[in-house]
Structures are given as C-alpha cells and as structure tokens.
Protein backbone atom coordinates (compact mmCIF):
# COMPACT_ATOMS: atom_id res chain seq x y z
CA MET A 1 -67.62 -25.43 -73.68
CA LEU A 2 -67.58 -27.53 -70.50
CA PRO A 3 -64.91 -26.44 -68.03
CA PRO A 4 -62.06 -28.92 -67.48
CA VAL A 5 -62.00 -30.56 -64.07
CA SER A 6 -58.31 -29.74 -63.62
CA SER A 7 -59.10 -26.00 -63.64
CA GLY A 8 -61.84 -26.23 -61.05
CA ARG A 9 -61.85 -29.33 -58.86
CA SER A 10 -64.14 -27.69 -56.31
CA ALA A 11 -66.64 -26.81 -59.04
CA ALA A 12 -66.51 -30.38 -60.37
CA ILE A 13 -67.21 -31.75 -56.90
CA ALA A 14 -70.19 -29.41 -56.59
CA PHE A 15 -71.52 -30.56 -59.98
CA ILE A 16 -71.39 -34.26 -59.17
CA LEU A 17 -72.91 -33.73 -55.72
CA VAL A 18 -75.89 -31.94 -57.27
CA VAL A 19 -76.35 -34.80 -59.74
CA ALA A 20 -76.18 -37.35 -56.91
CA MET A 21 -78.66 -35.41 -54.76
CA LEU A 22 -81.23 -34.96 -57.54
CA ASP A 23 -81.05 -38.67 -58.41
CA ILE A 24 -81.70 -39.65 -54.80
CA VAL A 25 -84.51 -37.11 -54.39
CA ALA A 26 -86.23 -38.76 -57.35
CA MET A 27 -85.65 -42.21 -55.87
CA GLY A 28 -86.69 -41.19 -52.36
CA ILE A 29 -89.98 -39.70 -53.46
CA VAL A 30 -91.43 -43.11 -54.31
CA ILE A 31 -90.29 -44.90 -51.12
CA PRO A 32 -93.29 -44.00 -48.91
CA VAL A 33 -95.85 -44.97 -51.56
CA LEU A 34 -94.47 -48.02 -53.37
CA PRO A 35 -95.06 -50.59 -50.56
CA PRO A 36 -98.64 -49.34 -49.89
CA LEU A 37 -99.28 -49.50 -53.65
CA ILE A 38 -98.06 -53.10 -53.63
CA GLU A 39 -100.28 -53.80 -50.63
CA ALA A 40 -103.25 -52.37 -52.53
CA PHE A 41 -102.56 -54.76 -55.41
CA THR A 42 -102.06 -57.82 -53.14
CA GLY A 43 -104.70 -57.03 -50.49
CA SER A 44 -102.49 -58.29 -47.62
CA ASN A 45 -99.83 -56.63 -45.44
CA ALA A 46 -97.93 -59.90 -44.89
CA GLN A 47 -98.08 -60.78 -48.60
CA ALA A 48 -96.98 -57.25 -49.49
CA GLY A 49 -93.86 -57.83 -47.39
CA VAL A 50 -92.90 -60.80 -49.53
CA VAL A 51 -93.72 -59.07 -52.83
CA ASN A 52 -91.88 -55.90 -51.86
CA GLY A 53 -88.86 -58.02 -50.96
CA VAL A 54 -89.03 -59.64 -54.40
CA PHE A 55 -89.23 -56.21 -56.05
CA VAL A 56 -86.16 -54.97 -54.18
CA ALA A 57 -84.36 -58.20 -55.12
CA LEU A 58 -85.23 -57.70 -58.80
CA TRP A 59 -83.86 -54.16 -58.62
CA ALA A 60 -80.64 -55.44 -57.07
CA LEU A 61 -80.33 -58.32 -59.53
CA MET A 62 -80.38 -55.88 -62.44
CA GLN A 63 -77.78 -53.76 -60.66
CA PHE A 64 -75.61 -56.85 -60.26
CA VAL A 65 -75.69 -57.44 -64.01
CA ALA A 66 -75.43 -53.79 -65.09
CA SER A 67 -73.02 -52.24 -62.58
CA PRO A 68 -69.73 -53.75 -63.79
CA VAL A 69 -70.73 -53.06 -67.41
CA ILE A 70 -71.48 -49.43 -66.60
CA GLY A 71 -68.35 -49.07 -64.45
CA SER A 72 -66.08 -50.50 -67.15
CA LEU A 73 -67.86 -48.55 -69.87
CA SER A 74 -67.22 -45.34 -67.96
CA ASP A 75 -63.53 -46.27 -67.79
CA GLN A 76 -63.48 -46.21 -71.61
CA VAL A 77 -65.88 -43.44 -72.72
CA GLY A 78 -65.76 -41.22 -69.62
CA ARG A 79 -68.09 -40.65 -66.70
CA ARG A 80 -70.28 -37.88 -68.11
CA PRO A 81 -72.06 -39.73 -70.98
CA VAL A 82 -72.81 -42.70 -68.73
CA ILE A 83 -74.36 -40.48 -66.06
CA LEU A 84 -76.45 -38.62 -68.65
CA LEU A 85 -77.79 -41.80 -70.24
CA SER A 86 -78.71 -43.25 -66.85
CA THR A 87 -80.62 -40.18 -65.67
CA ALA A 88 -82.59 -40.05 -68.93
CA GLY A 89 -83.47 -43.73 -68.46
CA LEU A 90 -84.64 -43.10 -64.90
CA ALA A 91 -86.98 -40.35 -66.09
CA ALA A 92 -88.61 -42.69 -68.61
CA ASP A 93 -88.85 -45.48 -66.01
CA TYR A 94 -90.72 -43.35 -63.48
CA VAL A 95 -93.27 -42.49 -66.15
CA LEU A 96 -93.73 -46.21 -66.76
CA MET A 97 -94.31 -46.89 -63.04
CA ALA A 98 -96.72 -43.94 -62.75
CA LEU A 99 -98.89 -45.62 -65.41
CA ALA A 100 -98.42 -49.22 -64.18
CA PRO A 101 -101.84 -50.96 -64.05
CA ASN A 102 -100.70 -54.04 -62.09
CA LEU A 103 -97.84 -55.72 -60.23
CA TRP A 104 -96.22 -57.04 -63.42
CA TRP A 105 -95.73 -53.54 -64.79
CA LEU A 106 -94.40 -52.36 -61.43
CA ALA A 107 -91.94 -55.27 -61.47
CA LEU A 108 -90.76 -54.27 -64.95
CA GLY A 109 -90.31 -50.71 -63.72
CA ARG A 110 -88.18 -51.85 -60.78
CA MET A 111 -85.97 -53.90 -63.10
CA ILE A 112 -85.38 -50.94 -65.41
CA ALA A 113 -84.67 -48.78 -62.36
CA GLY A 114 -82.03 -51.31 -61.29
CA VAL A 115 -80.18 -50.85 -64.58
CA THR A 116 -80.37 -47.06 -64.64
CA SER A 117 -79.51 -46.68 -60.94
CA ALA A 118 -76.30 -48.62 -61.53
CA SER A 119 -74.83 -45.26 -62.56
CA PHE A 120 -74.05 -44.74 -58.87
CA THR A 121 -70.86 -46.66 -59.61
CA THR A 122 -69.91 -43.89 -62.02
CA VAL A 123 -70.63 -41.20 -59.43
CA TYR A 124 -68.14 -42.78 -57.03
CA ALA A 125 -65.61 -43.30 -59.83
CA TYR A 126 -66.06 -39.61 -60.76
CA MET A 127 -65.14 -38.61 -57.22
CA ALA A 128 -62.09 -40.91 -57.32
CA ASP A 129 -61.00 -39.18 -60.54
CA ILE A 130 -60.95 -35.70 -59.01
CA THR A 131 -59.65 -36.38 -55.48
CA PRO A 132 -56.25 -37.70 -54.31
CA PRO A 133 -56.29 -41.00 -52.36
CA GLU A 134 -55.75 -39.32 -48.99
CA ALA A 135 -58.84 -37.13 -49.48
CA ARG A 136 -61.27 -39.79 -50.70
CA SER A 137 -62.85 -40.53 -47.31
CA ARG A 138 -64.05 -36.95 -47.19
CA GLY A 139 -65.03 -37.03 -50.88
CA TYR A 140 -67.10 -40.17 -50.44
CA GLY A 141 -68.53 -38.65 -47.28
CA LEU A 142 -69.70 -35.67 -49.35
CA ILE A 143 -71.38 -38.03 -51.82
CA GLY A 144 -73.02 -39.79 -48.88
CA ALA A 145 -74.16 -36.42 -47.55
CA ALA A 146 -75.61 -35.54 -50.97
CA PHE A 147 -77.45 -38.86 -51.02
CA SER A 148 -78.71 -38.14 -47.51
CA ALA A 149 -79.88 -34.68 -48.53
CA GLY A 150 -81.84 -36.38 -51.28
CA PHE A 151 -83.34 -38.75 -48.73
CA VAL A 152 -84.35 -35.79 -46.59
CA ALA A 153 -86.23 -34.05 -49.37
CA GLY A 154 -87.37 -37.11 -51.34
CA PRO A 155 -89.34 -39.15 -48.78
CA LEU A 156 -90.72 -35.98 -47.19
CA LEU A 157 -92.04 -34.78 -50.53
CA GLY A 158 -93.17 -38.30 -51.43
CA GLY A 159 -95.08 -38.62 -48.17
CA VAL A 160 -96.91 -35.36 -48.79
CA LEU A 161 -97.67 -36.23 -52.41
CA GLY A 162 -98.69 -39.75 -51.40
CA GLU A 163 -101.44 -38.33 -49.21
CA VAL A 164 -102.88 -36.77 -52.38
CA SER A 165 -102.37 -39.70 -54.77
CA PRO A 166 -100.15 -42.82 -54.73
CA ARG A 167 -99.22 -42.09 -58.35
CA ALA A 168 -98.23 -38.44 -57.95
CA PRO A 169 -94.74 -39.12 -56.50
CA PHE A 170 -93.80 -41.10 -59.62
CA TRP A 171 -94.64 -38.18 -61.90
CA VAL A 172 -92.60 -35.77 -59.78
CA ALA A 173 -89.70 -38.27 -59.71
CA ALA A 174 -89.78 -38.41 -63.51
CA ALA A 175 -89.64 -34.61 -63.67
CA LEU A 176 -86.68 -34.47 -61.27
CA SER A 177 -84.75 -37.10 -63.23
CA GLY A 178 -85.39 -35.10 -66.38
CA LEU A 179 -84.08 -32.00 -64.60
CA THR A 180 -80.94 -33.92 -63.60
CA PHE A 181 -80.40 -34.89 -67.22
CA LEU A 182 -80.68 -31.27 -68.37
CA TYR A 183 -78.38 -30.13 -65.58
CA GLY A 184 -75.78 -32.67 -66.67
CA ILE A 185 -76.06 -31.69 -70.32
CA PHE A 186 -75.23 -28.05 -69.66
CA ILE A 187 -73.17 -28.10 -66.45
CA LEU A 188 -71.48 -31.43 -65.64
CA PRO A 189 -67.82 -31.59 -66.82
CA GLU A 190 -65.97 -34.77 -67.75
CA SER A 191 -63.66 -36.06 -65.01
CA LEU A 192 -61.62 -38.78 -66.74
CA PRO A 193 -58.86 -37.55 -69.09
CA VAL A 194 -58.42 -39.48 -72.33
CA GLU A 195 -54.92 -40.63 -71.38
CA ARG A 196 -56.25 -42.36 -68.24
CA ARG A 197 -59.00 -44.32 -69.97
CA MET A 198 -59.03 -48.10 -70.30
CA ARG A 199 -60.39 -50.13 -73.19
CA PHE A 200 -63.71 -51.85 -72.47
CA SER A 201 -63.41 -55.59 -71.87
CA TRP A 202 -66.23 -58.06 -71.38
CA ARG A 203 -63.94 -60.09 -69.14
CA ARG A 204 -63.86 -57.21 -66.67
CA ALA A 205 -67.41 -56.06 -67.40
CA ASN A 206 -69.30 -59.28 -66.71
CA PRO A 207 -70.46 -59.37 -63.08
CA PHE A 208 -68.39 -62.41 -62.14
CA GLY A 209 -65.31 -61.24 -64.03
CA ALA A 210 -65.48 -57.88 -62.26
CA LEU A 211 -65.31 -59.64 -58.91
CA THR A 212 -61.86 -61.02 -59.77
CA LEU A 213 -60.47 -57.57 -59.00
CA LEU A 214 -61.62 -58.00 -55.40
CA ARG A 215 -59.46 -61.12 -55.11
CA SER A 216 -56.31 -59.27 -56.19
CA HIS A 217 -55.30 -58.50 -52.59
CA PRO A 218 -56.18 -60.34 -49.34
CA GLU A 219 -57.35 -57.19 -47.53
CA LEU A 220 -59.42 -56.13 -50.53
CA SER A 221 -61.37 -59.38 -50.60
CA GLY A 222 -61.95 -59.19 -46.84
CA LEU A 223 -63.22 -55.62 -47.11
CA ALA A 224 -65.52 -56.76 -49.94
CA VAL A 225 -67.15 -59.22 -47.50
CA VAL A 226 -67.65 -56.35 -45.03
CA ASN A 227 -69.24 -54.39 -47.88
CA PHE A 228 -71.57 -57.31 -48.60
CA LEU A 229 -72.68 -57.59 -44.98
CA LEU A 230 -73.18 -53.82 -44.71
CA TYR A 231 -75.49 -53.75 -47.72
CA PHE A 232 -77.25 -56.93 -46.60
CA ALA A 233 -78.19 -55.32 -43.30
CA HIS A 234 -79.16 -52.02 -44.91
CA HIS A 235 -81.87 -53.58 -47.09
CA VAL A 236 -84.01 -54.21 -44.02
CA PHE A 237 -85.22 -50.64 -44.53
CA SER A 238 -86.10 -50.97 -48.22
CA ALA A 239 -87.68 -54.39 -47.69
CA VAL A 240 -89.87 -53.96 -44.61
CA PHE A 241 -89.61 -50.53 -42.95
CA VAL A 242 -92.64 -48.85 -44.56
CA LEU A 243 -94.86 -51.90 -44.08
CA TYR A 244 -93.56 -52.45 -40.53
CA ALA A 245 -94.17 -48.82 -39.56
CA GLY A 246 -97.73 -48.94 -40.83
CA HIS A 247 -98.48 -52.31 -39.21
CA ARG A 248 -96.77 -51.77 -35.85
CA TYR A 249 -97.25 -48.04 -35.23
CA GLY A 250 -100.04 -47.08 -37.62
CA TRP A 251 -97.88 -44.51 -39.41
CA SER A 252 -99.28 -42.96 -42.60
CA PRO A 253 -97.16 -42.31 -45.73
CA GLY A 254 -96.76 -38.72 -44.54
CA THR A 255 -95.41 -39.80 -41.14
CA VAL A 256 -93.11 -42.35 -42.77
CA GLY A 257 -91.82 -39.61 -45.06
CA VAL A 258 -91.04 -37.37 -42.08
CA LEU A 259 -89.15 -40.17 -40.29
CA LEU A 260 -87.18 -41.04 -43.41
CA ALA A 261 -86.36 -37.36 -43.85
CA LEU A 262 -85.10 -37.27 -40.25
CA ALA A 263 -82.94 -40.32 -40.88
CA GLY A 264 -81.58 -38.67 -44.01
CA ALA A 265 -80.80 -35.45 -42.14
CA LEU A 266 -78.88 -37.35 -39.47
CA ASP A 267 -76.97 -39.29 -42.11
CA MET A 268 -76.18 -36.08 -43.97
CA LEU A 269 -74.77 -34.59 -40.76
CA VAL A 270 -72.63 -37.66 -40.09
CA GLN A 271 -71.28 -38.08 -43.62
CA GLY A 272 -71.01 -34.43 -44.54
CA VAL A 273 -69.56 -33.09 -41.28
CA LEU A 274 -68.31 -35.84 -38.99
CA VAL A 275 -66.55 -38.27 -41.36
CA GLY A 276 -63.65 -36.00 -42.26
CA ARG A 277 -63.13 -34.87 -38.67
CA VAL A 278 -63.32 -38.34 -37.14
CA VAL A 279 -60.99 -39.82 -39.78
CA LYS A 280 -58.50 -37.06 -39.09
CA ARG A 281 -58.43 -38.01 -35.41
CA ILE A 282 -58.63 -41.82 -35.43
CA GLY A 283 -58.09 -42.93 -39.05
CA ASP A 284 -60.16 -44.78 -41.67
CA ARG A 285 -60.16 -48.19 -40.00
CA ALA A 286 -61.26 -47.09 -36.53
CA THR A 287 -63.90 -44.79 -38.01
CA MET A 288 -65.33 -47.64 -40.08
CA ILE A 289 -65.52 -49.93 -37.03
CA LEU A 290 -67.19 -47.22 -34.93
CA GLY A 291 -69.80 -46.73 -37.64
CA LEU A 292 -70.58 -50.45 -37.92
CA PHE A 293 -70.97 -50.90 -34.16
CA GLY A 294 -73.18 -47.81 -33.94
CA GLY A 295 -75.40 -49.08 -36.74
CA ALA A 296 -75.74 -52.49 -35.09
CA ALA A 297 -76.77 -50.89 -31.79
CA GLY A 298 -79.35 -48.70 -33.53
CA LEU A 299 -80.89 -51.60 -35.43
CA ALA A 300 -81.15 -53.67 -32.24
CA CYS A 301 -82.95 -50.80 -30.50
CA MET A 302 -85.34 -50.49 -33.45
CA GLY A 303 -86.18 -54.18 -33.32
CA LEU A 304 -86.97 -53.99 -29.61
CA ALA A 305 -88.69 -50.56 -29.61
CA PRO A 306 -92.05 -50.81 -27.78
CA GLY A 307 -93.47 -47.69 -29.46
CA GLY A 308 -93.00 -45.23 -32.26
CA TRP A 309 -91.05 -42.69 -30.19
CA ALA A 310 -88.56 -45.34 -29.09
CA PHE A 311 -88.11 -46.43 -32.71
CA ALA A 312 -87.48 -42.82 -33.76
CA ALA A 313 -84.97 -42.34 -30.93
CA ALA A 314 -83.03 -45.40 -32.12
CA MET A 315 -82.20 -43.45 -35.28
CA LEU A 316 -79.60 -41.49 -33.28
CA PRO A 317 -77.14 -44.36 -32.65
CA ASN A 318 -78.06 -45.83 -36.03
CA ALA A 319 -76.89 -42.60 -37.72
CA LEU A 320 -73.29 -43.50 -36.81
CA TRP A 321 -73.62 -46.13 -39.53
CA GLY A 322 -72.86 -43.25 -41.93
CA LEU A 323 -69.23 -43.31 -40.78
CA ALA A 324 -68.71 -46.78 -42.22
CA MET A 325 -69.37 -46.58 -45.94
CA PRO A 326 -67.06 -43.70 -46.99
CA THR A 327 -64.17 -45.05 -44.93
CA LEU A 328 -64.69 -48.59 -46.21
CA LEU A 329 -64.62 -47.30 -49.80
CA SER A 330 -61.54 -45.22 -49.07
CA LEU A 331 -59.67 -48.26 -47.74
CA MET A 332 -60.65 -50.24 -50.84
CA THR A 333 -59.64 -47.57 -53.38
CA GLN A 334 -56.16 -47.50 -51.83
CA ARG A 335 -55.66 -51.12 -52.92
CA VAL A 336 -56.07 -50.59 -56.71
CA SER A 337 -54.47 -48.40 -59.37
CA GLU A 338 -55.97 -45.14 -60.57
CA ASN A 339 -57.15 -46.53 -63.92
CA GLU A 340 -59.08 -49.32 -62.14
CA GLN A 341 -61.31 -47.07 -60.04
CA GLY A 342 -64.34 -47.49 -62.31
CA GLN A 343 -63.87 -51.27 -62.34
CA LEU A 344 -63.56 -51.29 -58.55
CA GLN A 345 -66.78 -49.32 -58.10
CA GLY A 346 -68.54 -51.65 -60.54
CA ALA A 347 -67.28 -54.66 -58.58
CA ASN A 348 -68.38 -53.05 -55.31
CA MET A 349 -71.83 -52.41 -56.74
CA SER A 350 -71.98 -56.04 -57.89
CA VAL A 351 -71.26 -57.14 -54.32
CA ALA A 352 -73.93 -54.75 -53.08
CA SER A 353 -76.33 -56.09 -55.68
CA VAL A 354 -75.79 -59.71 -54.62
CA ALA A 355 -76.63 -58.60 -51.08
CA GLY A 356 -79.60 -56.71 -52.51
CA VAL A 357 -80.93 -59.86 -54.19
CA LEU A 358 -80.61 -62.11 -51.14
CA SER A 359 -81.33 -59.66 -48.33
CA PRO A 360 -84.85 -58.42 -49.27
CA LEU A 361 -86.00 -61.98 -49.87
CA CYS A 362 -84.68 -62.92 -46.44
CA PHE A 363 -86.06 -59.89 -44.59
CA GLY A 364 -89.37 -60.00 -46.49
CA TRP A 365 -89.86 -63.62 -45.47
CA VAL A 366 -88.82 -62.99 -41.85
CA TYR A 367 -91.23 -60.04 -41.66
CA SER A 368 -94.16 -61.95 -43.17
CA VAL A 369 -93.63 -64.80 -40.69
CA SER A 370 -93.20 -62.49 -37.68
CA VAL A 371 -96.42 -60.53 -38.31
CA ASP A 372 -98.56 -63.49 -39.40
CA ALA A 373 -101.52 -64.16 -37.15
CA ASP A 374 -100.33 -67.75 -36.63
CA ALA A 375 -96.69 -66.82 -35.95
CA PRO A 376 -95.18 -69.10 -33.24
CA LEU A 377 -93.28 -66.10 -31.78
CA ALA A 378 -94.83 -62.62 -31.68
CA LEU A 379 -91.77 -60.56 -32.54
CA PRO A 380 -92.61 -58.03 -35.30
CA GLY A 381 -89.13 -56.48 -35.05
CA ALA A 382 -87.35 -59.76 -35.83
CA ALA A 383 -86.09 -58.47 -39.18
CA PHE A 384 -84.34 -55.52 -37.51
CA LEU A 385 -82.74 -57.78 -34.90
CA LEU A 386 -81.41 -60.04 -37.66
CA ALA A 387 -80.00 -56.99 -39.47
CA ALA A 388 -78.28 -55.89 -36.23
CA ALA A 389 -76.61 -59.30 -35.93
CA VAL A 390 -75.38 -59.08 -39.54
CA LEU A 391 -73.92 -55.61 -38.99
CA LEU A 392 -72.23 -56.75 -35.78
CA ALA A 393 -70.56 -59.54 -37.77
CA ALA A 394 -69.42 -56.92 -40.31
CA ALA A 395 -67.88 -54.83 -37.51
CA LEU A 396 -65.94 -57.79 -36.11
CA LEU A 397 -64.71 -58.86 -39.54
CA GLY A 398 -63.80 -55.27 -40.48
CA TRP A 399 -61.79 -54.87 -37.29
CA ARG A 400 -59.77 -57.93 -38.27
CA VAL A 401 -59.15 -57.42 -42.00
CA ALA A 402 -58.59 -53.66 -42.04
CA ARG A 403 -55.63 -53.59 -39.63
CA ARG A 404 -53.04 -54.11 -42.35
CA ALA A 405 -54.98 -52.30 -45.10
CA SER A 406 -55.14 -49.08 -43.08
CA ARG A 407 -51.35 -49.07 -42.63
CA ASP A 408 -50.25 -49.93 -46.16
CA ARG A 409 -49.36 -47.33 -48.74
CA PRO A 410 -51.85 -46.65 -51.56
CA ALA A 411 -51.44 -48.66 -54.74
CA ALA A 412 -49.42 -47.06 -57.49
C-alpha cells in the first residue's frame, strides 16, 4: 500500500522531486540534437531558426490547451494518476520522434509532448498540497532545483549521445520516461485527500476560463503578467540558443550539452540552496526582483558577448534568474484558497503557454533576420538583447505590483 503523505511529508517531497528530475532529464536529452536535426531536414541554419521557433510554439500551444484541463482534473481525481498518465504518454512520444522520417512527424511529436508535459502543473500543485503557505518558496525552489538537476544530466547525456547518433537521445529519453512511470506506480503517494478535492468543471478547465482565476485579485493579475514576461524571455534559449551557439561559436552538440549542464548546475545551486536563505533575509518580493534584474543583466551580456568564453561567463549573473520563479509562485499561491491550487497552476501554465506560443516565433524570426547574409544590422545576439529588455520590464512591473501582495495575509 502507498504510504499516506500525512505520515511522511519529507518522503513525499523526495518522491515528487525524483519524478520531476527524471521527467526533465528525458526532456533535456533531446535539446542538443533537435535543432540540428531540424537543420538537417531544412538544409539552412536561418530557416532552422524559424522552424524550431514554430516547433516550440506548437509545444506551448498544446500546453495552453491541456494545462488547465490537467490541473482541474488533478483537483478532482488526485495528482498521482495524472502524473502517471503523462509520463507514460511522454515515453510513447519519444519513441515516435526517434522514428520520425520528416519534419511533419517531428511536429506531431512536439505537439504530443506539449500535452504530456502539461503535467508540470500537477507537480507544482502536488508541492502545494504537502507544504504550508509560508514554506512554499522553498518547496518550489526544490522543484526548480530538481528540474535543474535534470538539465544538468539531460543535455550533457544528450550531447554525448548526439555525437554518436542524432536519434539515440530520443530512445534514451523514452526509456527514462518509462522508468519514471514505473517509479510512480510503485513509489509515488497521493497528495490530495478526498475531502479537499473539487469537482471537474469545463468552465474552469478551458484555457480561457482558467484565466478568470487570475483576475480574482488585482495583485494576482499583475503577478500573472510578470509570469508571462518571465516565460517570454526564457524561450530565447529553447528557440535559438543551440543554433546560435553553433553559428556564432562553432559549438558541437557535445559542447552545447556541457554548457547547458553548467547552466543547470548553477540554477540548481540557486534554487536548491539560495532561494530559502535569501527569502528568509529579504522576503519573497525582494528576492523575486533581485532574480529578474540578475537574469536581465545576464541575457544582455550574452547578447553582447564577443566570444564563447564571454558567453559562458554571462551564465553567472543569469543564474540569479532562478530566484524569481519560486518566489513569484509563492506570492501567487498566497492569493487563492487551498482547493484552488491545481486550478492556479493550470492557469499559470496557460499564461506560460501563451508566452511559449508567441515568444519562439518572435525570437526565431529575430534570429533568422540577424544572421541572414543580407541583414541590415550585423547583430547575431539581437534575440538575447530583446529577451533582456523583456525581463527588465518584468522586474520593474514586479517591483510595483508585489508590494502589497508580499504584505497581505495568505488567502483562507
């Protein structure tokens, strides 16, 4: 029998962190090889930038549709079955992409991945179930650290496997997702007691209906805009980083994997170690603002970096970005009731997905124009500079809207 969460909260936290890490390892493995595979199909680096942006947008569009459904469904049936179904779907999807003979099949694979990856909303709701409001910044920081650990191992392993075959990382990702499913079957406990569950409603589960929750409080809607801008800026990495690194610095998939692993290690340090300590000293709001300003500075340095070493060094200030997400989520969870946590995470993921639809298309187009031989301005790092400006706007808006939210008492 699965152990009840109430008898072992620490064990439950460990279980969900392992699930989160294995999911991200599987996702990270394919990052170094997917853009080069797209480039091989298109035959052009600039065109690959546009196509990769479209693929990321398709992934995000499916998350926009699926996230509130999955979040609300988990409020009714519990977190565990939703997580299990999603990990099984991811395993099947990676097999599909490993066998994809053309761009159309890859596009289908990215769309399915968008649906199955929407279970991240349930992971955050799971953490909200088992932690009190005052401890959620640290709890979300631990999830972020688990994600970062996955991004350390995943891209590093994917880079190594990609040197052997561009298809090999997809097969290993499928195996890891299958392992996550088996782990969840035998180990993962349910976190949501029956008495705290809420009946599924299509009004709350449709992506636009879910967003109505974000309008229930002025500070909550303002923080949702900060969340949108944060995700918008972050997609510069998924949209153009691998192609940019190969074009500008001549980095191979192996080198890209090492750099992504370094970025993941820094983020794991920030979210797993620093978030709780910094919040304890200066509070959620100030920690969030510090993280957003640090991320903006790092992105600006990346966009202006004259060489590979300078780009890698810019990852240090950029790592402070990891302070922003867990504290932003903590501030938002304090504005809703305990039985709305799944709905809130679904709404947040919908916001992130809207950003994920628009942002890659924007950054992919900016990149293709900036590296084109006939570009009016030779500025290959233009996409990173644009992302820095977006994150700076998020920092200024967050500073304004979070003043009252950080002082108010949590919702009943």
